[in-house]
C-alpha atoms as a PDB file:
ATOM      1  CA  ALA A   1     -10.689  14.802 -24.913  1.00  0.00           C
ATOM      2  CA  LEU A   2      -7.053  15.879 -26.131  1.00  0.00           C
ATOM      3  CA  SER A   3      -6.413  17.155 -22.325  1.00  0.00           C
ATOM      4  CA  LEU A   4      -7.269  13.972 -20.536  1.00  0.00           C
ATOM      5  CA  ALA A   5      -5.493  11.728 -23.434  1.00  0.00           C
ATOM      6  CA  ALA A   6      -2.167  14.197 -22.519  1.00  0.00           C
ATOM      7  CA  CYS A   7      -2.298  12.744 -18.769  1.00  0.00           C
ATOM      8  CA  GLY A   8      -1.642   9.233 -19.641  1.00  0.00           C
ATOM      9  CA  SER A   9      -3.054   5.980 -19.569  1.00  0.00           C
ATOM     10  CA  ILE A  10      -5.006   6.347 -16.622  1.00  0.00           C
ATOM     11  CA  HIS A  11      -8.558   7.236 -16.521  1.00  0.00           C
ATOM     12  CA  PRO A  12      -9.752  10.312 -14.601  1.00  0.00           C
ATOM     13  CA  GLY A  13     -11.461   8.631 -11.919  1.00  0.00           C
ATOM     14  CA  ASP A  14      -8.604   5.830 -11.147  1.00  0.00           C
ATOM     15  CA  ALA A  15      -6.129   6.790  -8.669  1.00  0.00           C
ATOM     16  CA  ALA A  16      -3.628   3.929  -9.625  1.00  0.00           C
ATOM     17  CA  VAL A  17      -4.060   0.661 -12.278  1.00  0.00           C
ATOM     18  CA  VAL A  18      -2.245  -2.615 -11.727  1.00  0.00           C
ATOM     19  CA  ASP A  19      -2.164  -5.138 -14.512  1.00  0.00           C
ATOM     20  CA  GLY A  20      -5.684  -3.865 -15.562  1.00  0.00           C
ATOM     21  CA  GLN A  21      -7.033  -3.494 -12.017  1.00  0.00           C
ATOM     22  CA  ALA A  22      -8.226  -0.087 -11.199  1.00  0.00           C
ATOM     23  CA  ILE A  23      -7.709   1.141  -7.862  1.00  0.00           C
ATOM     24  CA  SER A  24     -10.509   3.861  -7.753  1.00  0.00           C
ATOM     25  CA  MET A  25     -10.318   7.489  -6.611  1.00  0.00           C
ATOM     26  CA  ALA A  26     -13.018   7.001  -4.192  1.00  0.00           C
ATOM     27  CA  LYS A  27     -11.389   4.004  -2.388  1.00  0.00           C
ATOM     28  CA  PHE A  28      -8.083   5.950  -2.467  1.00  0.00           C
ATOM     29  CA  ASP A  29      -9.521   9.189  -0.856  1.00  0.00           C
ATOM     30  CA  ARG A  30     -11.375   7.004   1.766  1.00  0.00           C
ATOM     31  CA  SER A  31      -8.269   4.826   2.654  1.00  0.00           C
ATOM     32  CA  ALA A  32      -6.079   8.099   2.687  1.00  0.00           C
ATOM     33  CA  ARG A  33      -8.541   9.704   4.975  1.00  0.00           C
ATOM     34  CA  LEU A  34      -8.660   7.267   7.160  1.00  0.00           C
ATOM     35  CA  LEU A  35      -4.926   6.297   7.192  1.00  0.00           C
ATOM     36  CA  CYS A  36      -4.278  10.224   8.402  1.00  0.00           C
ATOM     37  CA  ASP A  37      -6.614   9.640  11.111  1.00  0.00           C
ATOM     38  CA  VAL A  38      -4.766   6.114  12.100  1.00  0.00           C
ATOM     39  CA  SER A  39      -1.243   8.339  11.913  1.00  0.00           C
ATOM     40  CA  LEU A  40      -2.761  11.194  13.998  1.00  0.00           C
ATOM     41  CA  ARG A  41      -4.061   8.842  16.648  1.00  0.00           C
ATOM     42  CA  GLU A  42      -0.792   6.981  16.718  1.00  0.00           C
ATOM     43  CA  ALA A  43       1.470   9.967  16.576  1.00  0.00           C
ATOM     44  CA  ALA A  44      -0.581  11.442  19.493  1.00  0.00           C
ATOM     45  CA  SER A  45      -0.498   8.358  22.015  1.00  0.00           C
ATOM     46  CA  GLN A  46       3.090   8.106  21.200  1.00  0.00           C
ATOM     47  CA  GLY A  47       3.979  12.112  21.692  1.00  0.00           C
ATOM     48  CA  GLN A  48       4.887  12.304  18.245  1.00  0.00           C
ATOM     49  CA  SER A  49       3.789  14.888  15.302  1.00  0.00           C
ATOM     50  CA  SER A  50       1.988  13.370  12.573  1.00  0.00           C
ATOM     51  CA  PRO A  51       3.482  13.002   8.869  1.00  0.00           C
ATOM     52  CA  PRO A  52       2.500  15.507   6.577  1.00  0.00           C
ATOM     53  CA  ASN A  53      -0.653  14.829   4.885  1.00  0.00           C
ATOM     54  CA  ASP A  54       0.929  14.636   1.448  1.00  0.00           C
ATOM     55  CA  GLN A  55       3.166  11.519   2.607  1.00  0.00           C
ATOM     56  CA  VAL A  56       0.178  10.131   4.337  1.00  0.00           C
ATOM     57  CA  ARG A  57      -1.823  10.310   0.921  1.00  0.00           C
ATOM     58  CA  ARG A  58       1.415   8.995  -0.937  1.00  0.00           C
ATOM     59  CA  GLN A  59       1.447   5.957   1.402  1.00  0.00           C
ATOM     60  CA  ALA A  60      -1.710   5.344   0.939  1.00  0.00           C
ATOM     61  CA  ILE A  61      -1.620   4.480  -2.783  1.00  0.00           C
ATOM     62  CA  VAL A  62       1.358   3.052  -2.284  1.00  0.00           C
ATOM     63  CA  ASN A  63      -0.168   0.604   0.384  1.00  0.00           C
ATOM     64  CA  LEU A  64      -3.224  -0.194  -2.018  1.00  0.00           C
ATOM     65  CA  VAL A  65      -0.915  -0.843  -5.043  1.00  0.00           C
ATOM     66  CA  THR A  66       1.613  -2.859  -3.194  1.00  0.00           C
ATOM     67  CA  VAL A  67      -0.716  -5.513  -1.649  1.00  0.00           C
ATOM     68  CA  ILE A  68      -1.822  -6.232  -5.346  1.00  0.00           C
ATOM     69  CA  VAL A  69       1.714  -6.569  -6.394  1.00  0.00           C
ATOM     70  CA  ALA A  70       2.658  -8.620  -3.200  1.00  0.00           C
ATOM     71  CA  ARG A  71      -0.264 -10.837  -3.670  1.00  0.00           C
ATOM     72  CA  ASP A  72       0.350 -11.480  -7.220  1.00  0.00           C
ATOM     73  CA  LEU A  73       4.144 -12.335  -6.401  1.00  0.00           C
ATOM     74  CA  ALA A  74       2.997 -14.656  -3.733  1.00  0.00           C
ATOM     75  CA  LYS A  75       0.696 -16.551  -6.048  1.00  0.00           C
ATOM     76  CA  GLN A  76       3.401 -16.931  -8.869  1.00  0.00           C
ATOM     77  CA  LYS A  77       6.397 -17.916  -5.939  1.00  0.00           C
ATOM     78  CA  GLY A  78       3.744 -20.045  -4.090  1.00  0.00           C
ATOM     79  CA  VAL A  79       3.866 -18.546  -1.159  1.00  0.00           C
ATOM     80  CA  THR A  80       1.145 -18.634   1.208  1.00  0.00           C
ATOM     81  CA  PRO A  81       1.566 -16.459   4.251  1.00  0.00           C
ATOM     82  CA  ASP A  82       0.183 -17.532   7.592  1.00  0.00           C
ATOM     83  CA  LYS A  83      -3.251 -16.035   8.157  1.00  0.00           C
ATOM     84  CA  ALA A  84      -2.735 -15.729  11.472  1.00  0.00           C
ATOM     85  CA  LEU A  85      -0.013 -13.183  11.028  1.00  0.00           C
ATOM     86  CA  TYR A  86      -2.063 -10.772   9.195  1.00  0.00           C
ATOM     87  CA  GLU A  87      -5.471 -11.125  10.164  1.00  0.00           C
ATOM     88  CA  LEU A  88      -6.519  -8.805  12.767  1.00  0.00           C
ATOM     89  CA  PRO A  89      -7.581 -10.339  16.624  1.00  0.00           C
ATOM     90  CA  PRO A  90     -11.196  -9.900  17.550  1.00  0.00           C
ATOM     91  CA  ALA A  91     -10.325  -7.315  20.161  1.00  0.00           C
ATOM     92  CA  GLN A  92      -8.553  -5.305  17.665  1.00  0.00           C
ATOM     93  CA  VAL A  93     -11.451  -5.200  15.332  1.00  0.00           C
ATOM     94  CA  GLU A  94     -13.730  -4.503  18.227  1.00  0.00           C
ATOM     95  CA  SER A  95     -11.582  -1.576  19.186  1.00  0.00           C
ATOM     96  CA  ILE A  96     -11.522  -0.200  15.147  1.00  0.00           C
ATOM     97  CA  THR A  97     -15.644  -0.719  15.391  1.00  0.00           C
ATOM     98  CA  LYS A  98     -15.724   1.228  18.527  1.00  0.00           C
ATOM     99  CA  ALA A  99     -13.384   4.011  17.185  1.00  0.00           C
ATOM    100  CA  TYR A 100     -15.003   4.271  13.748  1.00  0.00           C
ATOM    101  CA  PRO A 101     -18.793   4.059  14.134  1.00  0.00           C
ATOM    102  CA  ASP A 102     -19.340   4.088  10.278  1.00  0.00           C
ATOM    103  CA  ASP A 103     -19.110   0.914   9.033  1.00  0.00           C
ATOM    104  CA  GLU A 104     -17.273   1.552   5.908  1.00  0.00           C
ATOM    105  CA  ASP A 105     -14.696   3.628   7.631  1.00  0.00           C
ATOM    106  CA  ALA A 106     -14.129   0.498  10.262  1.00  0.00           C
ATOM    107  CA  LYS A 107     -13.711  -2.118   7.178  1.00  0.00           C
ATOM    108  CA  THR A 108     -11.175   0.428   5.633  1.00  0.00           C
ATOM    109  CA  VAL A 109      -8.969   0.692   9.107  1.00  0.00           C
ATOM    110  CA  GLU A 110      -9.407  -3.026   9.223  1.00  0.00           C
ATOM    111  CA  SER A 111      -8.042  -3.301   5.574  1.00  0.00           C
ATOM    112  CA  ILE A 112      -5.503  -1.097   6.277  1.00  0.00           C
ATOM    113  CA  TYR A 113      -4.063  -2.758   8.964  1.00  0.00           C
ATOM    114  CA  GLU A 114      -4.661  -6.150   7.468  1.00  0.00           C
ATOM    115  CA  ASP A 115      -3.139  -5.573   3.913  1.00  0.00           C
ATOM    116  CA  PHE A 116      -0.193  -3.803   5.874  1.00  0.00           C
ATOM    117  CA  ASN A 117       0.129  -7.196   7.863  1.00  0.00           C
ATOM    118  CA  GLU A 118      -0.498  -9.194   4.972  1.00  0.00           C
ATOM    119  CA  VAL A 119       2.430  -7.817   2.339  1.00  0.00           C
ATOM    120  CA  ILE A 120       4.645  -8.396   5.798  1.00  0.00           C
ATOM    121  CA  ALA A 121       3.755 -11.921   5.965  1.00  0.00           C
ATOM    122  CA  ILE A 122       4.163 -12.146   2.558  1.00  0.00           C
ATOM    123  CA  ALA A 123       7.881 -10.671   2.547  1.00  0.00           C
ATOM    124  CA  ILE A 124       8.676 -13.191   5.442  1.00  0.00           C
ATOM    125  CA  GLY A 125       7.269 -16.195   3.221  1.00  0.00           C
ATOM    126  CA  LEU A 126       9.448 -14.714   0.384  1.00  0.00           C
ATOM    127  CA  GLY A 127      12.326 -14.244   2.281  1.00  0.00           C
ATOM    128  CA  ALA A 128      12.250 -17.514   3.701  1.00  0.00           C
ATOM    129  CA  GLN A 129      11.748 -19.230   0.352  1.00  0.00           C
ATOM    130  CA  SER A 130      15.083 -17.176  -0.957  1.00  0.00           C
ATOM    131  CA  THR A 131      17.212 -17.572   1.571  1.00  0.00           C
ATOM    132  CA  GLY A 132      15.905 -21.263   2.860  1.00  0.00           C
ATOM    133  CA  LEU A 133      15.681 -20.374   6.214  1.00  0.00           C
ATOM    134  CA  THR A 134      12.485 -20.940   8.461  1.00  0.00           C
ATOM    135  CA  ARG A 135      11.038 -17.826  10.151  1.00  0.00           C
ATOM    136  CA  SER A 136      12.174 -17.089  13.792  1.00  0.00           C
ATOM    137  CA  ASP A 137      12.407 -14.535  16.198  1.00  0.00           C
ATOM    138  CA  GLU A 138      15.981 -14.087  15.149  1.00  0.00           C
ATOM    139  CA  ASN A 139      15.867 -13.891  11.582  1.00  0.00           C
ATOM    140  CA  GLN A 140      12.382 -12.455  11.025  1.00  0.00           C
ATOM    141  CA  GLU A 141      13.595  -9.180  10.305  1.00  0.00           C
ATOM    142  CA  LEU A 142      16.286 -10.311   7.870  1.00  0.00           C
ATOM    143  CA  LEU A 143      13.638 -12.109   6.079  1.00  0.00           C
ATOM    144  CA  ILE A 144      11.102  -9.244   5.868  1.00  0.00           C
ATOM    145  CA  THR A 145      14.000  -7.280   4.178  1.00  0.00           C
ATOM    146  CA  GLU A 146      14.883  -9.919   1.781  1.00  0.00           C
ATOM    147  CA  GLY A 147      10.972 -10.461   0.995  1.00  0.00           C
ATOM    148  CA  GLN A 148      10.211  -6.403   0.465  1.00  0.00           C
ATOM    149  CA  ALA A 149      13.162  -6.483  -2.068  1.00  0.00           C
ATOM    150  CA  ALA A 150      11.468  -9.341  -3.971  1.00  0.00           C
ATOM    151  CA  ILE A 151       8.072  -7.500  -3.683  1.00  0.00           C
ATOM    152  CA  GLN A 152       9.873  -3.845  -4.814  1.00  0.00           C
ATOM    153  CA  LYS A 153      11.684  -5.809  -7.574  1.00  0.00           C
ATOM    154  CA  ALA A 154       8.057  -7.373  -8.664  1.00  0.00           C
ATOM    155  CA  PHE A 155       6.855  -3.648  -9.738  1.00  0.00           C
ATOM    156  CA  LYS A 156       9.141  -3.776 -12.819  1.00  0.00           C
ATOM    157  CA  ASP A 157       7.162  -7.148 -13.701  1.00  0.00           C
ATOM    158  CA  HIS A 158       3.701  -5.283 -13.597  1.00  0.00           C
ATOM    159  CA  ASP A 159       1.795  -2.474 -15.283  1.00  0.00           C
ATOM    160  CA  VAL A 160       1.432  -0.086 -12.709  1.00  0.00           C
ATOM    161  CA  THR A 161       0.242   3.594 -13.766  1.00  0.00           C
ATOM    162  CA  PHE A 162      -0.559   6.220 -10.931  1.00  0.00           C
ATOM    163  CA  ALA A 163      -2.735   9.461 -11.370  1.00  0.00           C
ATOM    164  CA  PRO A 164      -0.657  11.929 -12.659  1.00  0.00           C
ATOM    165  CA  ARG A 165      -1.172  14.221  -9.843  1.00  0.00           C
ATOM    166  CA  LEU A 166       0.068  11.921  -7.077  1.00  0.00           C
ATOM    167  CA  GLY A 167       3.978  12.102  -8.419  1.00  0.00           C
ATOM    168  CA  LEU A 168       4.752   8.466  -8.632  1.00  0.00           C
ATOM    169  CA  SER A 169       6.341   6.306 -11.478  1.00  0.00           C
ATOM    170  CA  GLY A 170       4.917   2.824 -11.821  1.00  0.00           C
ATOM    171  CA  SER A 171       8.121   1.648  -9.867  1.00  0.00           C
ATOM    172  CA  LEU A 172       7.115   4.204  -6.985  1.00  0.00           C
ATOM    173  CA  LYS A 173      10.072   6.694  -7.919  1.00  0.00           C
ATOM    174  CA  ASP A 174       9.022   9.971  -6.593  1.00  0.00           C
ATOM    175  CA  LEU A 175       8.610  12.332  -9.791  1.00  0.00           C
ATOM    176  CA  GLY A 176       7.543  15.061  -7.807  1.00  0.00           C
ATOM    177  CA  PRO A 177       5.375  16.914  -5.399  1.00  0.00           C
ATOM    178  CA  SER A 178       1.884  15.167  -4.873  1.00  0.00           C
ATOM    179  CA  GLY A 179      -0.459  17.556  -5.418  1.00  0.00           C
ATOM    180  CA  SER A 180      -3.494  18.317  -7.758  1.00  0.00           C
ATOM    181  CA  ILE A 181      -1.609  19.246 -10.924  1.00  0.00           C
ATOM    182  CA  SER A 182       0.010  16.409 -13.277  1.00  0.00           C
ATOM    183  CA  VAL A 183       3.351  15.872 -12.506  1.00  0.00           C
ATOM    184  CA  PRO A 184       5.136  14.659 -15.956  1.00  0.00           C
ATOM    185  CA  GLU A 185       7.587  11.455 -15.820  1.00  0.00           C
ATOM    186  CA  VAL A 186      10.516  12.985 -17.475  1.00  0.00           C
ATOM    187  CA  SER A 187      12.326  16.291 -16.514  1.00  0.00           C
ATOM    188  CA  LEU A 188      11.519  19.098 -18.994  1.00  0.00           C
END
C-alpha cells in the first residue's frame, strides 16, 4: 500500500484521470496498439519510417485526454463543432472495418480518427470565437492554431493526472522518458 501511495493520486489500473474521469489502462493500451498500427500503415503508404513506439504510446494517451479537455472547454464556451467536420464518411468507416475485422479494434480506430478530427473542429470553433472570424479555407490554419492554444491553456483548469510511467505532467510537460517505472514530477 505504501508503494502504491507513493506513486500519486492515480489508481494503478488507470492510465490517466481527468477531473475524476478515469481512462483505463486497458483502453489506453488498445488505443496505443491501434494508433501504432495506423501510424505504421500511414508511414508505409507515404514511404516514411514510423515514429518510435514510446512516442506513439504517449500520443495515444495525450489524444484520449485532450478530447475530454476540448469537449469540456467547448461546452463552457458554447462552441458546438459541426459534426460534418469530424464524423467519418461511410466509405472510410467501411475501409476501417475491412482493415480491422475485430469489431472492438474497428471501433477504436474509428474513435482515434474521430476524436482527432473533433479536437480540430473544436479548435476551429474556439479560434473563430476568439478572433471573430468566420471559418474559410484561407483562415482555417489560423483558427486551428488559436483554438489549440486555448485547449492547451485549458489543461491548467483541469485536474489531469497521468500514470507515472507515462512520464507526463498534468499540463502535458515531458517529465522523463516513457517506460514501465515511475517518473518523478520533480528533479531529485
